[in-house]
Amino acid sequence: MSESEIALPPLQIADIDRDTLRELFVDVETLAHNLEIVLKRGSEQHVVNEPSRSLSDAMSELLLGTAVGAQLRYRFKGADWWDTLLRTENGFRLVRIQHRPES
């Protein structure tokens, strides 16, 4: 890798349904630490970081359509993870990035 190239963290992308979304939220609630929730309420609205927002509230807003997206930022097994969830026509798109600590 040359000096001008930037090493990007690997990412995973999956299309998921409502039941899988619910399972994801249960897993994050059970296993994650230092959770931050960022909601996107509409295509023309700004992203809102709401530290007091509960995971249950964020899931409800995604399922009801009052949020078009959410980002869950959390720590799991020594790494920081960012799960970005976007509403799609047939469910949700999950984009997951693992950030490893700099060595």
PDB file of N, CA and C in Angstrom:
ATOM      1  N   MET A   1       0.843  -1.169   0.000  1.00  0.00           N
ATOM      2  CA  MET A   1       0.000   0.000   0.000  1.00  0.00           C
ATOM      3  C   MET A   1       0.887   1.229   0.000  1.00  0.00           C
ATOM      4  N   SER A   2       0.591   2.175  -0.876  1.00  0.00           N
ATOM      5  CA  SER A   2       1.387   3.390  -0.948  1.00  0.00           C
ATOM      6  C   SER A   2       0.990   4.345   0.171  1.00  0.00           C
ATOM      7  N   GLU A   3       1.831   5.352   0.377  1.00  0.00           N
ATOM      8  CA  GLU A   3       1.568   6.328   1.432  1.00  0.00           C
ATOM      9  C   GLU A   3       0.275   7.093   1.207  1.00  0.00           C
ATOM     10  N   SER A   4      -0.141   7.246  -0.044  1.00  0.00           N
ATOM     11  CA  SER A   4      -1.352   8.011  -0.336  1.00  0.00           C
ATOM     12  C   SER A   4      -2.637   7.199  -0.167  1.00  0.00           C
ATOM     13  N   GLU A   5      -2.508   5.883  -0.047  1.00  0.00           N
ATOM     14  CA  GLU A   5      -3.696   5.047   0.125  1.00  0.00           C
ATOM     15  C   GLU A   5      -4.079   4.972   1.599  1.00  0.00           C
ATOM     16  N   ILE A   6      -5.355   4.932   1.832  1.00  0.00           N
ATOM     17  CA  ILE A   6      -5.880   4.841   3.193  1.00  0.00           C
ATOM     18  C   ILE A   6      -6.460   3.455   3.385  1.00  0.00           C
ATOM     19  N   ALA A   7      -6.099   2.815   4.496  1.00  0.00           N
ATOM     20  CA  ALA A   7      -6.645   1.502   4.811  1.00  0.00           C
ATOM     21  C   ALA A   7      -8.037   1.687   5.415  1.00  0.00           C
ATOM     22  N   LEU A   8      -9.040   1.218   4.714  1.00  0.00           N
ATOM     23  CA  LEU A   8     -10.413   1.322   5.192  1.00  0.00           C
ATOM     24  C   LEU A   8     -10.803   0.053   5.930  1.00  0.00           C
ATOM     25  N   PRO A   9     -11.636   0.194   6.958  1.00  0.00           N
ATOM     26  CA  PRO A   9     -12.076  -1.008   7.658  1.00  0.00           C
ATOM     27  C   PRO A   9     -13.001  -1.831   6.764  1.00  0.00           C
ATOM     28  N   PRO A  10     -12.970  -3.148   6.923  1.00  0.00           N
ATOM     29  CA  PRO A  10     -13.879  -3.981   6.122  1.00  0.00           C
ATOM     30  C   PRO A  10     -15.324  -3.712   6.523  1.00  0.00           C
ATOM     31  N   LEU A  11     -16.226  -3.889   5.560  1.00  0.00           N
ATOM     32  CA  LEU A  11     -17.633  -3.717   5.894  1.00  0.00           C
ATOM     33  C   LEU A  11     -18.439  -4.879   5.350  1.00  0.00           C
ATOM     34  N   GLN A  12     -19.583  -5.065   5.964  1.00  0.00           N
ATOM     35  CA  GLN A  12     -20.515  -6.116   5.563  1.00  0.00           C
ATOM     36  C   GLN A  12     -21.840  -5.447   5.241  1.00  0.00           C
ATOM     37  N   ILE A  13     -22.492  -5.942   4.196  1.00  0.00           N
ATOM     38  CA  ILE A  13     -23.785  -5.382   3.779  1.00  0.00           C
ATOM     39  C   ILE A  13     -24.781  -6.531   3.655  1.00  0.00           C
ATOM     40  N   ALA A  14     -25.973  -6.325   4.193  1.00  0.00           N
ATOM     41  CA  ALA A  14     -27.017  -7.349   4.098  1.00  0.00           C
ATOM     42  C   ALA A  14     -28.378  -6.672   4.049  1.00  0.00           C
ATOM     43  N   ASP A  15     -29.291  -7.249   3.295  1.00  0.00           N
ATOM     44  CA  ASP A  15     -30.687  -6.830   3.325  1.00  0.00           C
ATOM     45  C   ASP A  15     -31.400  -7.754   4.310  1.00  0.00           C
ATOM     46  N   ILE A  16     -32.113  -7.151   5.250  1.00  0.00           N
ATOM     47  CA  ILE A  16     -32.756  -7.932   6.303  1.00  0.00           C
ATOM     48  C   ILE A  16     -34.238  -7.588   6.386  1.00  0.00           C
ATOM     49  N   ASP A  17     -35.009  -8.511   6.965  1.00  0.00           N
ATOM     50  CA  ASP A  17     -36.441  -8.284   7.149  1.00  0.00           C
ATOM     51  C   ASP A  17     -36.714  -7.787   8.570  1.00  0.00           C
ATOM     52  N   ARG A  18     -37.972  -7.564   8.870  1.00  0.00           N
ATOM     53  CA  ARG A  18     -38.368  -7.029  10.176  1.00  0.00           C
ATOM     54  C   ARG A  18     -37.961  -7.944  11.330  1.00  0.00           C
ATOM     55  N   ASP A  19     -38.131  -9.256  11.147  1.00  0.00           N
ATOM     56  CA  ASP A  19     -37.779 -10.190  12.221  1.00  0.00           C
ATOM     57  C   ASP A  19     -36.280 -10.188  12.494  1.00  0.00           C
ATOM     58  N   THR A  20     -35.485 -10.122  11.432  1.00  0.00           N
ATOM     59  CA  THR A  20     -34.030 -10.089  11.599  1.00  0.00           C
ATOM     60  C   THR A  20     -33.608  -8.771  12.239  1.00  0.00           C
ATOM     61  N   LEU A  21     -34.294  -7.680  11.904  1.00  0.00           N
ATOM     62  CA  LEU A  21     -34.024  -6.394  12.548  1.00  0.00           C
ATOM     63  C   LEU A  21     -34.253  -6.507  14.053  1.00  0.00           C
ATOM     64  N   ARG A  22     -35.356  -7.114  14.429  1.00  0.00           N
ATOM     65  CA  ARG A  22     -35.649  -7.294  15.859  1.00  0.00           C
ATOM     66  C   ARG A  22     -34.564  -8.135  16.540  1.00  0.00           C
ATOM     67  N   GLU A  23     -34.126  -9.205  15.882  1.00  0.00           N
ATOM     68  CA  GLU A  23     -33.061 -10.053  16.437  1.00  0.00           C
ATOM     69  C   GLU A  23     -31.766  -9.267  16.607  1.00  0.00           C
ATOM     70  N   LEU A  24     -31.439  -8.435  15.633  1.00  0.00           N
ATOM     71  CA  LEU A  24     -30.241  -7.600  15.713  1.00  0.00           C
ATOM     72  C   LEU A  24     -30.301  -6.690  16.934  1.00  0.00           C
ATOM     73  N   PHE A  25     -31.432  -6.050  17.144  1.00  0.00           N
ATOM     74  CA  PHE A  25     -31.577  -5.142  18.280  1.00  0.00           C
ATOM     75  C   PHE A  25     -31.476  -5.887  19.607  1.00  0.00           C
ATOM     76  N   VAL A  26     -32.003  -7.104  19.685  1.00  0.00           N
ATOM     77  CA  VAL A  26     -31.874  -7.912  20.905  1.00  0.00           C
ATOM     78  C   VAL A  26     -30.400  -8.251  21.144  1.00  0.00           C
ATOM     79  N   ASP A  27     -29.693  -8.649  20.096  1.00  0.00           N
ATOM     80  CA  ASP A  27     -28.263  -8.963  20.221  1.00  0.00           C
ATOM     81  C   ASP A  27     -27.471  -7.755  20.703  1.00  0.00           C
ATOM     82  N   VAL A  28     -27.712  -6.601  20.107  1.00  0.00           N
ATOM     83  CA  VAL A  28     -26.988  -5.390  20.504  1.00  0.00           C
ATOM     84  C   VAL A  28     -27.300  -5.035  21.950  1.00  0.00           C
ATOM     85  N   GLU A  29     -28.572  -5.124  22.314  1.00  0.00           N
ATOM     86  CA  GLU A  29     -28.952  -4.801  23.692  1.00  0.00           C
ATOM     87  C   GLU A  29     -28.293  -5.750  24.694  1.00  0.00           C
ATOM     88  N   THR A  30     -28.179  -7.016  24.328  1.00  0.00           N
ATOM     89  CA  THR A  30     -27.639  -8.035  25.227  1.00  0.00           C
ATOM     90  C   THR A  30     -26.110  -8.017  25.294  1.00  0.00           C
ATOM     91  N   LEU A  31     -25.441  -7.782  24.180  1.00  0.00           N
ATOM     92  CA  LEU A  31     -24.003  -7.996  24.095  1.00  0.00           C
ATOM     93  C   LEU A  31     -23.148  -6.742  23.975  1.00  0.00           C
ATOM     94  N   ALA A  32     -23.725  -5.638  23.571  1.00  0.00           N
ATOM     95  CA  ALA A  32     -22.939  -4.439  23.275  1.00  0.00           C
ATOM     96  C   ALA A  32     -22.714  -3.576  24.519  1.00  0.00           C
ATOM     97  N   HIS A  33     -21.654  -2.782  24.438  1.00  0.00           N
ATOM     98  CA  HIS A  33     -21.324  -1.814  25.496  1.00  0.00           C
ATOM     99  C   HIS A  33     -21.155  -0.442  24.849  1.00  0.00           C
ATOM    100  N   ASN A  34     -21.307   0.612  25.651  1.00  0.00           N
ATOM    101  CA  ASN A  34     -21.085   1.988  25.189  1.00  0.00           C
ATOM    102  C   ASN A  34     -21.924   2.323  23.957  1.00  0.00           C
ATOM    103  N   LEU A  35     -23.179   1.990  23.995  1.00  0.00           N
ATOM    104  CA  LEU A  35     -24.067   2.181  22.853  1.00  0.00           C
ATOM    105  C   LEU A  35     -24.396   3.650  22.633  1.00  0.00           C
ATOM    106  N   GLU A  36     -24.299   4.076  21.378  1.00  0.00           N
ATOM    107  CA  GLU A  36     -24.777   5.383  20.929  1.00  0.00           C
ATOM    108  C   GLU A  36     -25.765   5.134  19.794  1.00  0.00           C
ATOM    109  N   ILE A  37     -26.830   5.920  19.756  1.00  0.00           N
ATOM    110  CA  ILE A  37     -27.847   5.768  18.724  1.00  0.00           C
ATOM    111  C   ILE A  37     -27.989   7.091  17.974  1.00  0.00           C
ATOM    112  N   VAL A  38     -27.878   7.032  16.668  1.00  0.00           N
ATOM    113  CA  VAL A  38     -28.033   8.213  15.820  1.00  0.00           C
ATOM    114  C   VAL A  38     -29.189   7.917  14.861  1.00  0.00           C
ATOM    115  N   LEU A  39     -30.199   8.789  14.852  1.00  0.00           N
ATOM    116  CA  LEU A  39     -31.373   8.585  14.007  1.00  0.00           C
ATOM    117  C   LEU A  39     -31.407   9.572  12.842  1.00  0.00           C
ATOM    118  N   LYS A  40     -31.901   9.103  11.721  1.00  0.00           N
ATOM    119  CA  LYS A  40     -32.176   9.947  10.548  1.00  0.00           C
ATOM    120  C   LYS A  40     -33.683   9.875  10.350  1.00  0.00           C
ATOM    121  N   ARG A  41     -34.358  11.009  10.536  1.00  0.00           N
ATOM    122  CA  ARG A  41     -35.817  11.012  10.511  1.00  0.00           C
ATOM    123  C   ARG A  41     -36.420  11.200   9.135  1.00  0.00           C
ATOM    124  N   GLY A  42     -35.689  11.781   8.208  1.00  0.00           N
ATOM    125  CA  GLY A  42     -36.224  11.979   6.869  1.00  0.00           C
ATOM    126  C   GLY A  42     -35.115  12.353   5.913  1.00  0.00           C
ATOM    127  N   SER A  43     -35.393  12.223   4.623  1.00  0.00           N
ATOM    128  CA  SER A  43     -34.359  12.482   3.626  1.00  0.00           C
ATOM    129  C   SER A  43     -33.897  13.936   3.643  1.00  0.00           C
ATOM    130  N   GLU A  44     -34.744  14.856   4.067  1.00  0.00           N
ATOM    131  CA  GLU A  44     -34.388  16.278   4.101  1.00  0.00           C
ATOM    132  C   GLU A  44     -34.002  16.742   5.499  1.00  0.00           C
ATOM    133  N   GLN A  45     -33.997  15.838   6.465  1.00  0.00           N
ATOM    134  CA  GLN A  45     -33.692  16.234   7.842  1.00  0.00           C
ATOM    135  C   GLN A  45     -32.281  15.826   8.215  1.00  0.00           C
ATOM    136  N   HIS A  46     -31.732  16.546   9.179  1.00  0.00           N
ATOM    137  CA  HIS A  46     -30.390  16.257   9.651  1.00  0.00           C
ATOM    138  C   HIS A  46     -30.383  15.023  10.558  1.00  0.00           C
ATOM    139  N   VAL A  47     -29.234  14.430  10.666  1.00  0.00           N
ATOM    140  CA  VAL A  47     -29.045  13.306  11.579  1.00  0.00           C
ATOM    141  C   VAL A  47     -29.065  13.844  12.998  1.00  0.00           C
ATOM    142  N   VAL A  48     -29.684  13.095  13.893  1.00  0.00           N
ATOM    143  CA  VAL A  48     -29.805  13.527  15.272  1.00  0.00           C
ATOM    144  C   VAL A  48     -29.192  12.477  16.190  1.00  0.00           C
ATOM    145  N   ASN A  49     -28.178  12.879  16.961  1.00  0.00           N
ATOM    146  CA  ASN A  49     -27.591  11.994  17.961  1.00  0.00           C
ATOM    147  C   ASN A  49     -28.372  12.204  19.251  1.00  0.00           C
ATOM    148  N   GLU A  50     -29.060  11.159  19.677  1.00  0.00           N
ATOM    149  CA  GLU A  50     -29.918  11.254  20.847  1.00  0.00           C
ATOM    150  C   GLU A  50     -29.455  10.247  21.893  1.00  0.00           C
ATOM    151  N   PRO A  51     -28.495  10.660  22.746  1.00  0.00           N
ATOM    152  CA  PRO A  51     -27.936   9.709  23.704  1.00  0.00           C
ATOM    153  C   PRO A  51     -28.960   9.124  24.671  1.00  0.00           C
ATOM    154  N   SER A  52     -30.048   9.858  24.929  1.00  0.00           N
ATOM    155  CA  SER A  52     -31.054   9.347  25.866  1.00  0.00           C
ATOM    156  C   SER A  52     -32.053   8.410  25.190  1.00  0.00           C
ATOM    157  N   ARG A  53     -32.006   8.332  23.873  1.00  0.00           N
ATOM    158  CA  ARG A  53     -32.929   7.473  23.123  1.00  0.00           C
ATOM    159  C   ARG A  53     -32.640   6.017  23.446  1.00  0.00           C
ATOM    160  N   SER A  54     -33.692   5.243  23.713  1.00  0.00           N
ATOM    161  CA  SER A  54     -33.503   3.817  24.010  1.00  0.00           C
ATOM    162  C   SER A  54     -33.427   3.023  22.715  1.00  0.00           C
ATOM    163  N   LEU A  55     -32.829   1.869  22.802  1.00  0.00           N
ATOM    164  CA  LEU A  55     -32.731   0.975  21.659  1.00  0.00           C
ATOM    165  C   LEU A  55     -34.127   0.552  21.198  1.00  0.00           C
ATOM    166  N   SER A  56     -35.001   0.322  22.139  1.00  0.00           N
ATOM    167  CA  SER A  56     -36.376  -0.058  21.828  1.00  0.00           C
ATOM    168  C   SER A  56     -37.091   1.048  21.056  1.00  0.00           C
ATOM    169  N   ASP A  57     -36.892   2.306  21.480  1.00  0.00           N
ATOM    170  CA  ASP A  57     -37.500   3.439  20.774  1.00  0.00           C
ATOM    171  C   ASP A  57     -36.964   3.543  19.348  1.00  0.00           C
ATOM    172  N   ALA A  58     -35.654   3.364  19.178  1.00  0.00           N
ATOM    173  CA  ALA A  58     -35.046   3.458  17.842  1.00  0.00           C
ATOM    174  C   ALA A  58     -35.605   2.369  16.925  1.00  0.00           C
ATOM    175  N   MET A  59     -35.749   1.149  17.452  1.00  0.00           N
ATOM    176  CA  MET A  59     -36.294   0.066  16.650  1.00  0.00           C
ATOM    177  C   MET A  59     -37.744   0.374  16.257  1.00  0.00           C
ATOM    178  N   SER A  60     -38.520   0.864  17.203  1.00  0.00           N
ATOM    179  CA  SER A  60     -39.912   1.209  16.912  1.00  0.00           C
ATOM    180  C   SER A  60     -40.001   2.269  15.824  1.00  0.00           C
ATOM    181  N   GLU A  61     -39.133   3.278  15.886  1.00  0.00           N
ATOM    182  CA  GLU A  61     -39.167   4.341  14.877  1.00  0.00           C
ATOM    183  C   GLU A  61     -38.806   3.798  13.496  1.00  0.00           C
ATOM    184  N   LEU A  62     -37.860   2.875  13.432  1.00  0.00           N
ATOM    185  CA  LEU A  62     -37.527   2.256  12.145  1.00  0.00           C
ATOM    186  C   LEU A  62     -38.700   1.435  11.620  1.00  0.00           C
ATOM    187  N   LEU A  63     -39.303   0.634  12.485  1.00  0.00           N
ATOM    188  CA  LEU A  63     -40.409  -0.228  12.070  1.00  0.00           C
ATOM    189  C   LEU A  63     -41.638   0.588  11.655  1.00  0.00           C
ATOM    190  N   LEU A  64     -41.900   1.691  12.345  1.00  0.00           N
ATOM    191  CA  LEU A  64     -43.057   2.532  12.036  1.00  0.00           C
ATOM    192  C   LEU A  64     -42.810   3.483  10.867  1.00  0.00           C
ATOM    193  N   GLY A  65     -41.540   3.692  10.533  1.00  0.00           N
ATOM    194  CA  GLY A  65     -41.213   4.589   9.441  1.00  0.00           C
ATOM    195  C   GLY A  65     -41.041   6.036   9.852  1.00  0.00           C
ATOM    196  N   THR A  66     -41.053   6.334  11.155  1.00  0.00           N
ATOM    197  CA  THR A  66     -40.813   7.709  11.600  1.00  0.00           C
ATOM    198  C   THR A  66     -39.328   8.054  11.543  1.00  0.00           C
ATOM    199  N   ALA A  67     -38.484   7.048  11.386  1.00  0.00           N
ATOM    200  CA  ALA A  67     -37.054   7.234  11.107  1.00  0.00           C
ATOM    201  C   ALA A  67     -36.746   6.452   9.833  1.00  0.00           C
ATOM    202  N   VAL A  68     -35.996   7.063   8.937  1.00  0.00           N
ATOM    203  CA  VAL A  68     -35.616   6.371   7.695  1.00  0.00           C
ATOM    204  C   VAL A  68     -34.307   5.616   7.860  1.00  0.00           C
ATOM    205  N   GLY A  69     -33.601   5.928   8.939  1.00  0.00           N
ATOM    206  CA  GLY A  69     -32.340   5.238   9.181  1.00  0.00           C
ATOM    207  C   GLY A  69     -31.904   5.414  10.617  1.00  0.00           C
ATOM    208  N   ALA A  70     -30.987   4.547  11.020  1.00  0.00           N
ATOM    209  CA  ALA A  70     -30.405   4.624  12.353  1.00  0.00           C
ATOM    210  C   ALA A  70     -28.991   4.079  12.286  1.00  0.00           C
ATOM    211  N   GLN A  71     -28.149   4.639  13.123  1.00  0.00           N
ATOM    212  CA  GLN A  71     -26.811   4.088  13.249  1.00  0.00           C
ATOM    213  C   GLN A  71     -26.610   3.713  14.708  1.00  0.00           C
ATOM    214  N   LEU A  72     -26.219   2.464  14.920  1.00  0.00           N
ATOM    215  CA  LEU A  72     -25.919   1.961  16.254  1.00  0.00           C
ATOM    216  C   LEU A  72     -24.404   1.873  16.353  1.00  0.00           C
ATOM    217  N   ARG A  73     -23.841   2.607  17.279  1.00  0.00           N
ATOM    218  CA  ARG A  73     -22.396   2.597  17.501  1.00  0.00           C
ATOM    219  C   ARG A  73     -22.168   1.962  18.858  1.00  0.00           C
ATOM    220  N   TYR A  74     -21.354   0.903  18.878  1.00  0.00           N
ATOM    221  CA  TYR A  74     -21.186   0.173  20.125  1.00  0.00           C
ATOM    222  C   TYR A  74     -19.838  -0.538  20.156  1.00  0.00           C
ATOM    223  N   ARG A  75     -19.519  -1.051  21.332  1.00  0.00           N
ATOM    224  CA  ARG A  75     -18.275  -1.804  21.537  1.00  0.00           C
ATOM    225  C   ARG A  75     -18.650  -3.249  21.788  1.00  0.00           C
ATOM    226  N   PHE A  76     -17.926  -4.167  21.101  1.00  0.00           N
ATOM    227  CA  PHE A  76     -18.154  -5.604  21.249  1.00  0.00           C
ATOM    228  C   PHE A  76     -16.844  -6.329  21.004  1.00  0.00           C
ATOM    229  N   LYS A  77     -16.441  -7.154  21.954  1.00  0.00           N
ATOM    230  CA  LYS A  77     -15.209  -7.943  21.854  1.00  0.00           C
ATOM    231  C   LYS A  77     -13.990  -7.108  21.474  1.00  0.00           C
ATOM    232  N   GLY A  78     -13.824  -5.981  22.162  1.00  0.00           N
ATOM    233  CA  GLY A  78     -12.630  -5.167  21.985  1.00  0.00           C
ATOM    234  C   GLY A  78     -12.577  -4.318  20.734  1.00  0.00           C
ATOM    235  N   ALA A  79     -13.661  -4.254  19.983  1.00  0.00           N
ATOM    236  CA  ALA A  79     -13.686  -3.434  18.767  1.00  0.00           C
ATOM    237  C   ALA A  79     -14.931  -2.552  18.782  1.00  0.00           C
ATOM    238  N   ASP A  80     -14.818  -1.441  18.091  1.00  0.00           N
ATOM    239  CA  ASP A  80     -15.970  -0.564  17.903  1.00  0.00           C
ATOM    240  C   ASP A  80     -16.676  -0.968  16.619  1.00  0.00           C
ATOM    241  N   TRP A  81     -17.993  -1.064  16.689  1.00  0.00           N
ATOM    242  CA  TRP A  81     -18.822  -1.448  15.546  1.00  0.00           C
ATOM    243  C   TRP A  81     -19.796  -0.328  15.260  1.00  0.00           C
ATOM    244  N   TRP A  82     -20.049  -0.083  13.991  1.00  0.00           N
ATOM    245  CA  TRP A  82     -21.077   0.854  13.557  1.00  0.00           C
ATOM    246  C   TRP A  82     -22.009   0.094  12.641  1.00  0.00           C
ATOM    247  N   ASP A  83     -23.248  -0.083  13.072  1.00  0.00           N
ATOM    248  CA  ASP A  83     -24.285  -0.707  12.258  1.00  0.00           C
ATOM    249  C   ASP A  83     -25.197   0.394  11.745  1.00  0.00           C
ATOM    250  N   THR A  84     -25.201   0.606  10.444  1.00  0.00           N
ATOM    251  CA  THR A  84     -26.086   1.588   9.834  1.00  0.00           C
ATOM    252  C   THR A  84     -27.266   0.838   9.226  1.00  0.00           C
ATOM    253  N   LEU A  85     -28.456   1.231   9.615  1.00  0.00           N
ATOM    254  CA  LEU A  85     -29.686   0.587   9.148  1.00  0.00           C
ATOM    255  C   LEU A  85     -30.504   1.600   8.368  1.00  0.00           C
ATOM    256  N   LEU A  86     -30.881   1.232   7.155  1.00  0.00           N
ATOM    257  CA  LEU A  86     -31.678   2.104   6.294  1.00  0.00           C
ATOM    258  C   LEU A  86     -32.935   1.370   5.854  1.00  0.00           C
ATOM    259  N   ARG A  87     -34.070   2.067   5.901  1.00  0.00           N
ATOM    260  CA  ARG A  87     -35.315   1.470   5.403  1.00  0.00           C
ATOM    261  C   ARG A  87     -35.206   1.293   3.897  1.00  0.00           C
ATOM    262  N   THR A  88     -35.682   0.168   3.407  1.00  0.00           N
ATOM    263  CA  THR A  88     -35.743  -0.086   1.971  1.00  0.00           C
ATOM    264  C   THR A  88     -37.184  -0.445   1.624  1.00  0.00           C
ATOM    265  N   GLU A  89     -37.442  -0.643   0.367  1.00  0.00           N
ATOM    266  CA  GLU A  89     -38.795  -0.982  -0.074  1.00  0.00           C
ATOM    267  C   GLU A  89     -39.278  -2.299   0.542  1.00  0.00           C
ATOM    268  N   ASN A  90     -38.356  -3.255   0.720  1.00  0.00           N
ATOM    269  CA  ASN A  90     -38.742  -4.587   1.197  1.00  0.00           C
ATOM    270  C   ASN A  90     -38.224  -4.924   2.596  1.00  0.00           C
ATOM    271  N   GLY A  91     -37.735  -3.940   3.328  1.00  0.00           N
ATOM    272  CA  GLY A  91     -37.204  -4.226   4.659  1.00  0.00           C
ATOM    273  C   GLY A  91     -36.166  -3.197   5.046  1.00  0.00           C
ATOM    274  N   PHE A  92     -34.947  -3.679   5.310  1.00  0.00           N
ATOM    275  CA  PHE A  92     -33.889  -2.812   5.800  1.00  0.00           C
ATOM    276  C   PHE A  92     -32.553  -3.243   5.214  1.00  0.00           C
ATOM    277  N   ARG A  93     -31.680  -2.293   5.014  1.00  0.00           N
ATOM    278  CA  ARG A  93     -30.311  -2.577   4.603  1.00  0.00           C
ATOM    279  C   ARG A  93     -29.424  -2.336   5.813  1.00  0.00           C
ATOM    280  N   LEU A  94     -28.588  -3.314   6.124  1.00  0.00           N
ATOM    281  CA  LEU A  94     -27.628  -3.224   7.218  1.00  0.00           C
ATOM    282  C   LEU A  94     -26.236  -3.088   6.615  1.00  0.00           C
ATOM    283  N   VAL A  95     -25.530  -2.044   7.016  1.00  0.00           N
ATOM    284  CA  VAL A  95     -24.130  -1.860   6.646  1.00  0.00           C
ATOM    285  C   VAL A  95     -23.352  -1.840   7.950  1.00  0.00           C
ATOM    286  N   ARG A  96     -22.487  -2.818   8.135  1.00  0.00           N
ATOM    287  CA  ARG A  96     -21.744  -2.985   9.397  1.00  0.00           C
ATOM    288  C   ARG A  96     -20.255  -2.777   9.142  1.00  0.00           C
ATOM    289  N   ILE A  97     -19.650  -1.921   9.965  1.00  0.00           N
ATOM    290  CA  ILE A  97     -18.217  -1.658   9.890  1.00  0.00           C
ATOM    291  C   ILE A  97     -17.608  -1.919  11.252  1.00  0.00           C
ATOM    292  N   GLN A  98     -16.512  -2.654  11.267  1.00  0.00           N
ATOM    293  CA  GLN A  98     -15.767  -2.895  12.506  1.00  0.00           C
ATOM    294  C   GLN A  98     -14.542  -1.986  12.503  1.00  0.00           C
ATOM    295  N   HIS A  99     -14.439  -1.179  13.549  1.00  0.00           N
ATOM    296  CA  HIS A  99     -13.277  -0.312  13.717  1.00  0.00           C
ATOM    297  C   HIS A  99     -12.372  -0.936  14.762  1.00  0.00           C
ATOM    298  N   ARG A 100     -11.173  -1.276  14.368  1.00  0.00           N
ATOM    299  CA  ARG A 100     -10.209  -1.848  15.313  1.00  0.00           C
ATOM    300  C   ARG A 100      -9.359  -0.728  15.894  1.00  0.00           C
ATOM    301  N   PRO A 101      -8.962  -0.875  17.141  1.00  0.00           N
ATOM    302  CA  PRO A 101      -8.102   0.165  17.733  1.00  0.00           C
ATOM    303  C   PRO A 101      -6.785   0.255  16.981  1.00  0.00           C
ATOM    304  N   GLU A 102      -6.276   1.486  16.882  1.00  0.00           N
ATOM    305  CA  GLU A 102      -4.978   1.688  16.235  1.00  0.00           C
ATOM    306  C   GLU A 102      -3.892   1.026  17.059  1.00  0.00           C
ATOM    307  N   SER A 103      -2.927   0.377  16.382  1.00  0.00           N
ATOM    308  CA  SER A 103      -1.832  -0.240  17.138  1.00  0.00           C
ATOM    309  C   SER A 103      -0.592   0.590  17.057  1.00  0.00           C
TER     310      SER A 103
END
